[in-house]
Amino acid sequence: MRLLVSVRSAAEAALAASNGVDIVDAKEPDAGPLGAVARSVLRDIHLALPLDVPLGVALGDATVPDEIGRVLDRLGPPARVSGTFLKVGFAGACRVEKVAAVLRRVVERARELGPSVQVIAASYADYDRARSLSPEQVLEPAIEAGAAGALIDTWSKDGRGLLQHMSLSALADWVTRARRAGLLTAVAGSLTADDLEILRELGPDVVGVRGAACRGGRAGTLDPQRLQHLRTALARVAVPTSQPPSAGELPEPSAPLAPVTR
């Protein structure tokens, strides 16, 4: 499993990278579970990262293609040789056709930016609160649109984590189905260092955190000691050899996460 940490500034991005974070994710926590940062902040985060560190870019939630198109125009996400991952969610979209249309638009724009830019279809474990499709339902349009990966997060940031919204068996089924379809798998949602051991048996490709890496919760400040604690916890987690192969060719932990080729 690789560690993704969400940051809201260039200073946090540099701190995360210097503490061994595998993927640095640009996100504004005050703007929702997938809140996008300002264009200038995204540029500064991009410039603050070493070339070998992949960049995640939260685009927010969208229900129609034009909506996500405007977000992409405003942000101007960069193409990085180490990989750029565009994450889009679908709060308020309860129809597969709407989700598929949004994803097709994002995938089309990603291809225009270059082969290192990939799309991650985000879903919510508490999808009823988000008024959206379930994680299982989002997989179908993600596969159809040509997304590189899928993410399960939580919509409500009320202290309850992913493992309080979904059973381990449901998560395992989701990881297996996504992997069989060739998707990179990621999980997030108020995860803690202790959750990494629990998630070990599922072996998702990426685990994402924000609050666990900060003093004062997700709206607080990134903390180097917490980052190191997460890295130590992750180092103790060995993915069982019985796990199915991941999507694409994922390098060894000492190398950067390669973008998925489809």
C-alpha atoms as a PDB file:
ATOM      1  CA  MET A   1       0.000   0.000   0.000  1.00  0.00           C
ATOM      2  CA  ARG A   2       1.120   3.546  -0.730  1.00  0.00           C
ATOM      3  CA  LEU A   3       0.500   6.548   1.489  1.00  0.00           C
ATOM      4  CA  LEU A   4      -1.308   9.574   0.091  1.00  0.00           C
ATOM      5  CA  VAL A   5      -1.513  12.720   2.214  1.00  0.00           C
ATOM      6  CA  SER A   6      -3.714  15.681   1.332  1.00  0.00           C
ATOM      7  CA  VAL A   7      -2.125  19.128   1.602  1.00  0.00           C
ATOM      8  CA  ARG A   8      -3.477  22.655   1.257  1.00  0.00           C
ATOM      9  CA  SER A   9      -0.266  24.638   0.625  1.00  0.00           C
ATOM     10  CA  ALA A  10       3.193  24.455  -0.891  1.00  0.00           C
ATOM     11  CA  ALA A  11       4.741  24.387   2.590  1.00  0.00           C
ATOM     12  CA  GLU A  12       2.653  21.339   3.517  1.00  0.00           C
ATOM     13  CA  ALA A  13       3.517  19.696   0.202  1.00  0.00           C
ATOM     14  CA  ALA A  14       7.245  20.080   0.821  1.00  0.00           C
ATOM     15  CA  LEU A  15       6.838  18.781   4.377  1.00  0.00           C
ATOM     16  CA  ALA A  16       4.907  15.727   3.203  1.00  0.00           C
ATOM     17  CA  ALA A  17       7.427  14.909   0.478  1.00  0.00           C
ATOM     18  CA  SER A  18      10.389  15.296   2.833  1.00  0.00           C
ATOM     19  CA  ASN A  19       8.769  12.830   5.234  1.00  0.00           C
ATOM     20  CA  GLY A  20       8.417  10.037   2.714  1.00  0.00           C
ATOM     21  CA  VAL A  21       4.806  10.460   1.566  1.00  0.00           C
ATOM     22  CA  ASP A  22       4.281   8.499  -1.653  1.00  0.00           C
ATOM     23  CA  ILE A  23       1.604  10.720  -3.221  1.00  0.00           C
ATOM     24  CA  VAL A  24       0.908  14.349  -2.324  1.00  0.00           C
ATOM     25  CA  ASP A  25      -2.707  15.356  -2.874  1.00  0.00           C
ATOM     26  CA  ALA A  26      -3.762  18.980  -3.373  1.00  0.00           C
ATOM     27  CA  LYS A  27      -7.037  19.516  -1.516  1.00  0.00           C
ATOM     28  CA  GLU A  28      -8.763  22.272   0.460  1.00  0.00           C
ATOM     29  CA  PRO A  29     -10.376  20.580   3.483  1.00  0.00           C
ATOM     30  CA  ASP A  30     -12.618  23.569   4.223  1.00  0.00           C
ATOM     31  CA  ALA A  31     -14.285  23.121   0.812  1.00  0.00           C
ATOM     32  CA  GLY A  32     -15.609  19.606   1.403  1.00  0.00           C
ATOM     33  CA  PRO A  33     -14.328  16.033   1.136  1.00  0.00           C
ATOM     34  CA  LEU A  34     -12.895  16.686  -2.342  1.00  0.00           C
ATOM     35  CA  GLY A  35     -12.517  20.457  -2.157  1.00  0.00           C
ATOM     36  CA  ALA A  36     -10.327  21.947  -4.886  1.00  0.00           C
ATOM     37  CA  VAL A  37      -7.540  24.379  -4.035  1.00  0.00           C
ATOM     38  CA  ALA A  38      -7.095  27.685  -5.858  1.00  0.00           C
ATOM     39  CA  ARG A  39      -5.171  27.657  -9.154  1.00  0.00           C
ATOM     40  CA  SER A  40      -2.253  29.571  -7.634  1.00  0.00           C
ATOM     41  CA  VAL A  41      -2.087  27.137  -4.699  1.00  0.00           C
ATOM     42  CA  LEU A  42      -2.059  24.148  -7.054  1.00  0.00           C
ATOM     43  CA  ARG A  43       0.774  25.715  -9.059  1.00  0.00           C
ATOM     44  CA  ASP A  44       2.810  26.334  -5.913  1.00  0.00           C
ATOM     45  CA  ILE A  45       2.219  22.785  -4.642  1.00  0.00           C
ATOM     46  CA  HIS A  46       3.312  21.391  -8.018  1.00  0.00           C
ATOM     47  CA  LEU A  47       6.513  23.453  -7.952  1.00  0.00           C
ATOM     48  CA  ALA A  48       7.276  22.517  -4.331  1.00  0.00           C
ATOM     49  CA  LEU A  49       7.318  18.778  -5.039  1.00  0.00           C
ATOM     50  CA  PRO A  50      10.348  16.760  -6.156  1.00  0.00           C
ATOM     51  CA  LEU A  51       9.957  15.487  -9.710  1.00  0.00           C
ATOM     52  CA  ASP A  52       9.567  11.879  -8.587  1.00  0.00           C
ATOM     53  CA  VAL A  53       6.551  12.526  -6.324  1.00  0.00           C
ATOM     54  CA  PRO A  54       3.134  12.012  -7.965  1.00  0.00           C
ATOM     55  CA  LEU A  55       0.484  14.692  -7.494  1.00  0.00           C
ATOM     56  CA  GLY A  56      -3.184  14.142  -6.709  1.00  0.00           C
ATOM     57  CA  VAL A  57      -5.598  16.944  -7.602  1.00  0.00           C
ATOM     58  CA  ALA A  58      -9.046  17.059  -6.001  1.00  0.00           C
ATOM     59  CA  LEU A  59     -11.582  18.499  -8.435  1.00  0.00           C
ATOM     60  CA  GLY A  60     -14.617  18.421  -6.156  1.00  0.00           C
ATOM     61  CA  ASP A  61     -18.002  16.900  -6.972  1.00  0.00           C
ATOM     62  CA  ALA A  62     -19.848  17.329 -10.237  1.00  0.00           C
ATOM     63  CA  THR A  63     -23.227  16.305 -11.624  1.00  0.00           C
ATOM     64  CA  VAL A  64     -22.862  17.513 -15.247  1.00  0.00           C
ATOM     65  CA  PRO A  65     -19.889  17.650 -17.664  1.00  0.00           C
ATOM     66  CA  ASP A  66     -19.922  21.449 -18.039  1.00  0.00           C
ATOM     67  CA  GLU A  67     -19.522  21.804 -14.283  1.00  0.00           C
ATOM     68  CA  ILE A  68     -16.342  19.744 -14.163  1.00  0.00           C
ATOM     69  CA  GLY A  69     -15.127  21.389 -17.346  1.00  0.00           C
ATOM     70  CA  ARG A  70     -15.211  24.783 -15.644  1.00  0.00           C
ATOM     71  CA  VAL A  71     -13.261  23.413 -12.682  1.00  0.00           C
ATOM     72  CA  LEU A  72     -10.565  22.042 -14.984  1.00  0.00           C
ATOM     73  CA  ASP A  73     -10.382  25.346 -16.848  1.00  0.00           C
ATOM     74  CA  ARG A  74      -9.972  27.214 -13.572  1.00  0.00           C
ATOM     75  CA  LEU A  75      -7.353  24.901 -12.093  1.00  0.00           C
ATOM     76  CA  GLY A  76      -5.237  24.076 -15.133  1.00  0.00           C
ATOM     77  CA  PRO A  77      -3.810  20.882 -13.561  1.00  0.00           C
ATOM     78  CA  PRO A  78      -0.164  20.205 -14.486  1.00  0.00           C
ATOM     79  CA  ALA A  79       1.136  17.061 -16.149  1.00  0.00           C
ATOM     80  CA  ARG A  80       3.957  15.556 -14.090  1.00  0.00           C
ATOM     81  CA  VAL A  81       6.343  12.866 -15.305  1.00  0.00           C
ATOM     82  CA  SER A  82       5.749  11.034 -12.007  1.00  0.00           C
ATOM     83  CA  GLY A  83       1.984  11.116 -12.564  1.00  0.00           C
ATOM     84  CA  THR A  84      -0.939  13.447 -11.978  1.00  0.00           C
ATOM     85  CA  PHE A  85      -4.150  11.939 -10.610  1.00  0.00           C
ATOM     86  CA  LEU A  86      -7.381  13.900 -11.044  1.00  0.00           C
ATOM     87  CA  LYS A  87      -9.988  12.931  -8.438  1.00  0.00           C
ATOM     88  CA  VAL A  88     -13.627  13.710  -9.084  1.00  0.00           C
ATOM     89  CA  GLY A  89     -16.663  12.843  -6.968  1.00  0.00           C
ATOM     90  CA  PHE A  90     -20.364  12.730  -7.704  1.00  0.00           C
ATOM     91  CA  ALA A  91     -22.308  13.999  -4.711  1.00  0.00           C
ATOM     92  CA  GLY A  92     -25.822  14.830  -5.890  1.00  0.00           C
ATOM     93  CA  ALA A  93     -25.609  12.534  -8.926  1.00  0.00           C
ATOM     94  CA  CYS A  94     -27.819   9.492  -8.471  1.00  0.00           C
ATOM     95  CA  ARG A  95     -27.841   8.233 -12.052  1.00  0.00           C
ATOM     96  CA  VAL A  96     -25.145   6.160 -13.704  1.00  0.00           C
ATOM     97  CA  GLU A  97     -25.577   8.111 -16.944  1.00  0.00           C
ATOM     98  CA  LYS A  98     -24.722  11.414 -15.241  1.00  0.00           C
ATOM     99  CA  VAL A  99     -21.642   9.997 -13.558  1.00  0.00           C
ATOM    100  CA  ALA A 100     -20.479   8.435 -16.834  1.00  0.00           C
ATOM    101  CA  ALA A 101     -20.886  11.732 -18.693  1.00  0.00           C
ATOM    102  CA  VAL A 102     -18.806  13.614 -16.126  1.00  0.00           C
ATOM    103  CA  LEU A 103     -16.108  10.955 -16.161  1.00  0.00           C
ATOM    104  CA  ARG A 104     -15.925  10.952 -19.951  1.00  0.00           C
ATOM    105  CA  ARG A 105     -15.308  14.702 -19.898  1.00  0.00           C
ATOM    106  CA  VAL A 106     -12.539  14.431 -17.301  1.00  0.00           C
ATOM    107  CA  VAL A 107     -10.873  11.487 -19.068  1.00  0.00           C
ATOM    108  CA  GLU A 108     -10.996  13.383 -22.365  1.00  0.00           C
ATOM    109  CA  ARG A 109      -9.329  16.425 -20.804  1.00  0.00           C
ATOM    110  CA  ALA A 110      -6.763  14.250 -19.041  1.00  0.00           C
ATOM    111  CA  ARG A 111      -5.739  12.696 -22.342  1.00  0.00           C
ATOM    112  CA  GLU A 112      -5.263  16.166 -23.799  1.00  0.00           C
ATOM    113  CA  LEU A 113      -2.884  17.010 -20.950  1.00  0.00           C
ATOM    114  CA  GLY A 114      -0.735  13.940 -21.569  1.00  0.00           C
ATOM    115  CA  PRO A 115      -0.339  10.222 -20.820  1.00  0.00           C
ATOM    116  CA  SER A 116       0.911  10.838 -17.278  1.00  0.00           C
ATOM    117  CA  VAL A 117      -2.430  12.417 -16.271  1.00  0.00           C
ATOM    118  CA  GLN A 118      -4.964   9.878 -15.014  1.00  0.00           C
ATOM    119  CA  VAL A 119      -8.506  10.041 -13.617  1.00  0.00           C
ATOM    120  CA  ILE A 120      -9.678   8.583 -10.314  1.00  0.00           C
ATOM    121  CA  ALA A 121     -13.434   8.116  -9.855  1.00  0.00           C
ATOM    122  CA  ALA A 122     -14.316   8.887  -6.238  1.00  0.00           C
ATOM    123  CA  SER A 123     -17.284   7.467  -4.373  1.00  0.00           C
ATOM    124  CA  TYR A 124     -18.556   7.734  -0.815  1.00  0.00           C
ATOM    125  CA  ALA A 125     -19.059   5.001   1.744  1.00  0.00           C
ATOM    126  CA  ASP A 126     -21.899   7.098   3.205  1.00  0.00           C
ATOM    127  CA  TYR A 127     -23.379   7.635  -0.249  1.00  0.00           C
ATOM    128  CA  ASP A 128     -26.876   8.094   1.132  1.00  0.00           C
ATOM    129  CA  ARG A 129     -25.758  11.318   2.835  1.00  0.00           C
ATOM    130  CA  ALA A 130     -23.989  12.437  -0.319  1.00  0.00           C
ATOM    131  CA  ARG A 131     -27.090  11.652  -2.399  1.00  0.00           C
ATOM    132  CA  SER A 132     -24.898   9.751  -4.823  1.00  0.00           C
ATOM    133  CA  LEU A 133     -24.310   6.312  -6.267  1.00  0.00           C
ATOM    134  CA  SER A 134     -22.799   3.630  -4.068  1.00  0.00           C
ATOM    135  CA  PRO A 135     -19.106   2.730  -4.460  1.00  0.00           C
ATOM    136  CA  GLU A 136     -20.108  -0.425  -6.311  1.00  0.00           C
ATOM    137  CA  GLN A 137     -22.329   1.520  -8.713  1.00  0.00           C
ATOM    138  CA  VAL A 138     -19.580   4.029  -9.523  1.00  0.00           C
ATOM    139  CA  LEU A 139     -17.288   1.253 -10.773  1.00  0.00           C
ATOM    140  CA  GLU A 140     -19.393   0.645 -13.888  1.00  0.00           C
ATOM    141  CA  PRO A 141     -19.140   4.194 -15.312  1.00  0.00           C
ATOM    142  CA  ALA A 142     -15.491   4.407 -14.202  1.00  0.00           C
ATOM    143  CA  ILE A 143     -14.629   1.353 -16.274  1.00  0.00           C
ATOM    144  CA  GLU A 144     -16.759   2.489 -19.221  1.00  0.00           C
ATOM    145  CA  ALA A 145     -15.200   5.971 -19.299  1.00  0.00           C
ATOM    146  CA  GLY A 146     -11.631   4.705 -19.105  1.00  0.00           C
ATOM    147  CA  ALA A 147     -10.736   5.973 -15.634  1.00  0.00           C
ATOM    148  CA  ALA A 148      -7.437   4.721 -14.235  1.00  0.00           C
ATOM    149  CA  GLY A 149      -8.649   4.104 -10.714  1.00  0.00           C
ATOM    150  CA  ALA A 150     -11.377   4.269  -8.115  1.00  0.00           C
ATOM    151  CA  LEU A 151     -11.494   5.731  -4.623  1.00  0.00           C
ATOM    152  CA  ILE A 152     -13.803   5.218  -1.665  1.00  0.00           C
ATOM    153  CA  ASP A 153     -13.901   8.184   0.740  1.00  0.00           C
ATOM    154  CA  THR A 154     -16.426   9.469   3.279  1.00  0.00           C
ATOM    155  CA  TRP A 155     -18.745  12.380   2.599  1.00  0.00           C
ATOM    156  CA  SER A 156     -19.457  13.293   6.215  1.00  0.00           C
ATOM    157  CA  LYS A 157     -16.434  14.408   8.204  1.00  0.00           C
ATOM    158  CA  ASP A 158     -18.058  13.854  11.589  1.00  0.00           C
ATOM    159  CA  GLY A 159     -15.372  11.720  13.205  1.00  0.00           C
ATOM    160  CA  ARG A 160     -16.632   8.405  11.882  1.00  0.00           C
ATOM    161  CA  GLY A 161     -14.160   6.750   9.564  1.00  0.00           C
ATOM    162  CA  LEU A 162     -14.444   4.564   6.510  1.00  0.00           C
ATOM    163  CA  LEU A 163     -14.416   1.368   8.555  1.00  0.00           C
ATOM    164  CA  GLN A 164     -17.455   2.569  10.479  1.00  0.00           C
ATOM    165  CA  HIS A 165     -19.414   3.064   7.269  1.00  0.00           C
ATOM    166  CA  MET A 166     -18.452  -0.081   5.353  1.00  0.00           C
ATOM    167  CA  SER A 167     -17.838  -3.630   6.467  1.00  0.00           C
ATOM    168  CA  LEU A 168     -14.524  -5.272   5.703  1.00  0.00           C
ATOM    169  CA  SER A 169     -16.258  -7.835   3.518  1.00  0.00           C
ATOM    170  CA  ALA A 170     -17.901  -5.096   1.436  1.00  0.00           C
ATOM    171  CA  LEU A 171     -14.572  -3.308   1.070  1.00  0.00           C
ATOM    172  CA  ALA A 172     -12.854  -6.547   0.085  1.00  0.00           C
ATOM    173  CA  ASP A 173     -15.471  -7.252  -2.579  1.00  0.00           C
ATOM    174  CA  TRP A 174     -15.062  -3.701  -3.941  1.00  0.00           C
ATOM    175  CA  VAL A 175     -11.253  -3.967  -4.096  1.00  0.00           C
ATOM    176  CA  THR A 176     -11.460  -7.338  -5.841  1.00  0.00           C
ATOM    177  CA  ARG A 177     -13.996  -6.153  -8.406  1.00  0.00           C
ATOM    178  CA  ALA A 178     -12.066  -2.946  -9.158  1.00  0.00           C
ATOM    179  CA  ARG A 179      -8.784  -4.820  -9.483  1.00  0.00           C
ATOM    180  CA  ARG A 180     -10.264  -7.378 -11.854  1.00  0.00           C
ATOM    181  CA  ALA A 181     -11.356  -4.484 -14.057  1.00  0.00           C
ATOM    182  CA  GLY A 182      -7.808  -3.114 -14.106  1.00  0.00           C
ATOM    183  CA  LEU A 183      -8.432  -0.161 -11.812  1.00  0.00           C
ATOM    184  CA  LEU A 184      -6.018   1.221  -9.260  1.00  0.00           C
ATOM    185  CA  THR A 185      -7.745   1.064  -5.859  1.00  0.00           C
ATOM    186  CA  ALA A 186      -7.632   3.744  -3.160  1.00  0.00           C
ATOM    187  CA  VAL A 187      -9.383   4.145   0.179  1.00  0.00           C
ATOM    188  CA  ALA A 188      -9.677   7.147   2.482  1.00  0.00           C
ATOM    189  CA  GLY A 189     -12.011   8.667   5.029  1.00  0.00           C
ATOM    190  CA  SER A 190     -10.794   9.571   8.527  1.00  0.00           C
ATOM    191  CA  LEU A 191      -8.360   6.663   8.536  1.00  0.00           C
ATOM    192  CA  THR A 192      -5.882   6.285  11.396  1.00  0.00           C
ATOM    193  CA  ALA A 193      -2.513   4.582  11.732  1.00  0.00           C
ATOM    194  CA  ASP A 194      -4.269   1.701  13.492  1.00  0.00           C
ATOM    195  CA  ASP A 195      -6.581   1.272  10.490  1.00  0.00           C
ATOM    196  CA  LEU A 196      -3.617   0.414   8.268  1.00  0.00           C
ATOM    197  CA  GLU A 197      -3.193  -2.936   9.989  1.00  0.00           C
ATOM    198  CA  ILE A 198      -6.882  -3.673   9.497  1.00  0.00           C
ATOM    199  CA  LEU A 199      -6.709  -2.698   5.832  1.00  0.00           C
ATOM    200  CA  ARG A 200      -3.683  -4.923   5.297  1.00  0.00           C
ATOM    201  CA  GLU A 201      -5.820  -7.934   4.422  1.00  0.00           C
ATOM    202  CA  LEU A 202      -7.594  -5.954   1.703  1.00  0.00           C
ATOM    203  CA  GLY A 203      -4.373  -4.578   0.233  1.00  0.00           C
ATOM    204  CA  PRO A 204      -5.654  -1.491  -1.622  1.00  0.00           C
ATOM    205  CA  ASP A 205      -3.007   0.213  -3.750  1.00  0.00           C
ATOM    206  CA  VAL A 206      -3.324   3.548  -1.933  1.00  0.00           C
ATOM    207  CA  VAL A 207      -4.493   4.709   1.495  1.00  0.00           C
ATOM    208  CA  GLY A 208      -5.246   8.417   1.869  1.00  0.00           C
ATOM    209  CA  VAL A 209      -5.234  10.561   4.994  1.00  0.00           C
ATOM    210  CA  ARG A 210      -5.464  14.165   6.084  1.00  0.00           C
ATOM    211  CA  GLY A 211      -6.655  14.380   9.693  1.00  0.00           C
ATOM    212  CA  ALA A 212      -4.344  11.616  10.919  1.00  0.00           C
ATOM    213  CA  ALA A 213      -1.360  13.596   9.628  1.00  0.00           C
ATOM    214  CA  CYS A 214      -2.367  16.898  11.225  1.00  0.00           C
ATOM    215  CA  ARG A 215      -2.394  18.568  14.601  1.00  0.00           C
ATOM    216  CA  GLY A 216      -5.983  19.613  15.211  1.00  0.00           C
ATOM    217  CA  GLY A 217      -7.688  17.310  12.711  1.00  0.00           C
ATOM    218  CA  ARG A 218      -8.160  17.694   8.967  1.00  0.00           C
ATOM    219  CA  ALA A 219      -8.489  21.490   9.227  1.00  0.00           C
ATOM    220  CA  GLY A 220      -5.305  21.681  11.305  1.00  0.00           C
ATOM    221  CA  THR A 221      -1.627  21.787  10.409  1.00  0.00           C
ATOM    222  CA  LEU A 222       0.420  18.979   8.910  1.00  0.00           C
ATOM    223  CA  ASP A 223       2.723  17.545  11.556  1.00  0.00           C
ATOM    224  CA  PRO A 224       6.073  15.822  10.807  1.00  0.00           C
ATOM    225  CA  GLN A 225       5.833  13.519  13.820  1.00  0.00           C
ATOM    226  CA  ARG A 226       2.412  12.299  12.731  1.00  0.00           C
ATOM    227  CA  LEU A 227       3.699  11.790   9.200  1.00  0.00           C
ATOM    228  CA  GLN A 228       6.548   9.675  10.506  1.00  0.00           C
ATOM    229  CA  HIS A 229       4.149   7.696  12.685  1.00  0.00           C
ATOM    230  CA  LEU A 230       2.050   6.908   9.620  1.00  0.00           C
ATOM    231  CA  ARG A 231       5.124   5.916   7.626  1.00  0.00           C
ATOM    232  CA  THR A 232       6.245   3.617  10.433  1.00  0.00           C
ATOM    233  CA  ALA A 233       2.798   2.039  10.666  1.00  0.00           C
ATOM    234  CA  LEU A 234       2.710   1.527   6.903  1.00  0.00           C
ATOM    235  CA  ALA A 235       6.165  -0.065   6.918  1.00  0.00           C
ATOM    236  CA  ARG A 236       4.842  -2.716   9.300  1.00  0.00           C
ATOM    237  CA  VAL A 237       2.063  -3.591   6.888  1.00  0.00           C
ATOM    238  CA  ALA A 238       2.969  -6.336   4.446  1.00  0.00           C
ATOM    239  CA  VAL A 239       0.470  -7.071   1.696  1.00  0.00           C
ATOM    240  CA  PRO A 240      -0.352 -10.809   1.689  1.00  0.00           C
ATOM    241  CA  THR A 241       1.013 -12.713  -1.308  1.00  0.00           C
ATOM    242  CA  SER A 242      -2.471 -14.103  -1.929  1.00  0.00           C
ATOM    243  CA  GLN A 243      -3.715 -10.659  -3.011  1.00  0.00           C
ATOM    244  CA  PRO A 244      -4.633 -10.339  -6.699  1.00  0.00           C
ATOM    245  CA  PRO A 245      -2.222  -8.240  -8.811  1.00  0.00           C
ATOM    246  CA  SER A 246      -2.685  -4.480  -8.758  1.00  0.00           C
ATOM    247  CA  ALA A 247      -3.728  -2.450 -11.766  1.00  0.00           C
ATOM    248  CA  GLY A 248      -0.825  -1.642 -14.084  1.00  0.00           C
ATOM    249  CA  GLU A 249       2.774  -2.119 -13.025  1.00  0.00           C
ATOM    250  CA  LEU A 250       3.243  -0.637  -9.566  1.00  0.00           C
ATOM    251  CA  PRO A 251       6.925  -0.314  -8.620  1.00  0.00           C
ATOM    252  CA  GLU A 252       8.512  -1.349  -5.366  1.00  0.00           C
ATOM    253  CA  PRO A 253       7.960   0.955  -2.372  1.00  0.00           C
ATOM    254  CA  SER A 254      11.316   2.712  -2.890  1.00  0.00           C
ATOM    255  CA  ALA A 255      10.184   3.969  -6.300  1.00  0.00           C
ATOM    256  CA  PRO A 256       7.485   6.531  -7.170  1.00  0.00           C
ATOM    257  CA  LEU A 257       3.994   5.355  -8.004  1.00  0.00           C
ATOM    258  CA  ALA A 258       3.762   4.976 -11.751  1.00  0.00           C
ATOM    259  CA  PRO A 259       0.637   6.157 -13.594  1.00  0.00           C
ATOM    260  CA  VAL A 260      -1.572   3.324 -14.746  1.00  0.00           C
ATOM    261  CA  THR A 261      -1.416   2.431 -18.431  1.00  0.00           C
ATOM    262  CA  ARG A 262      -4.541   1.038 -20.016  1.00  0.00           C
END
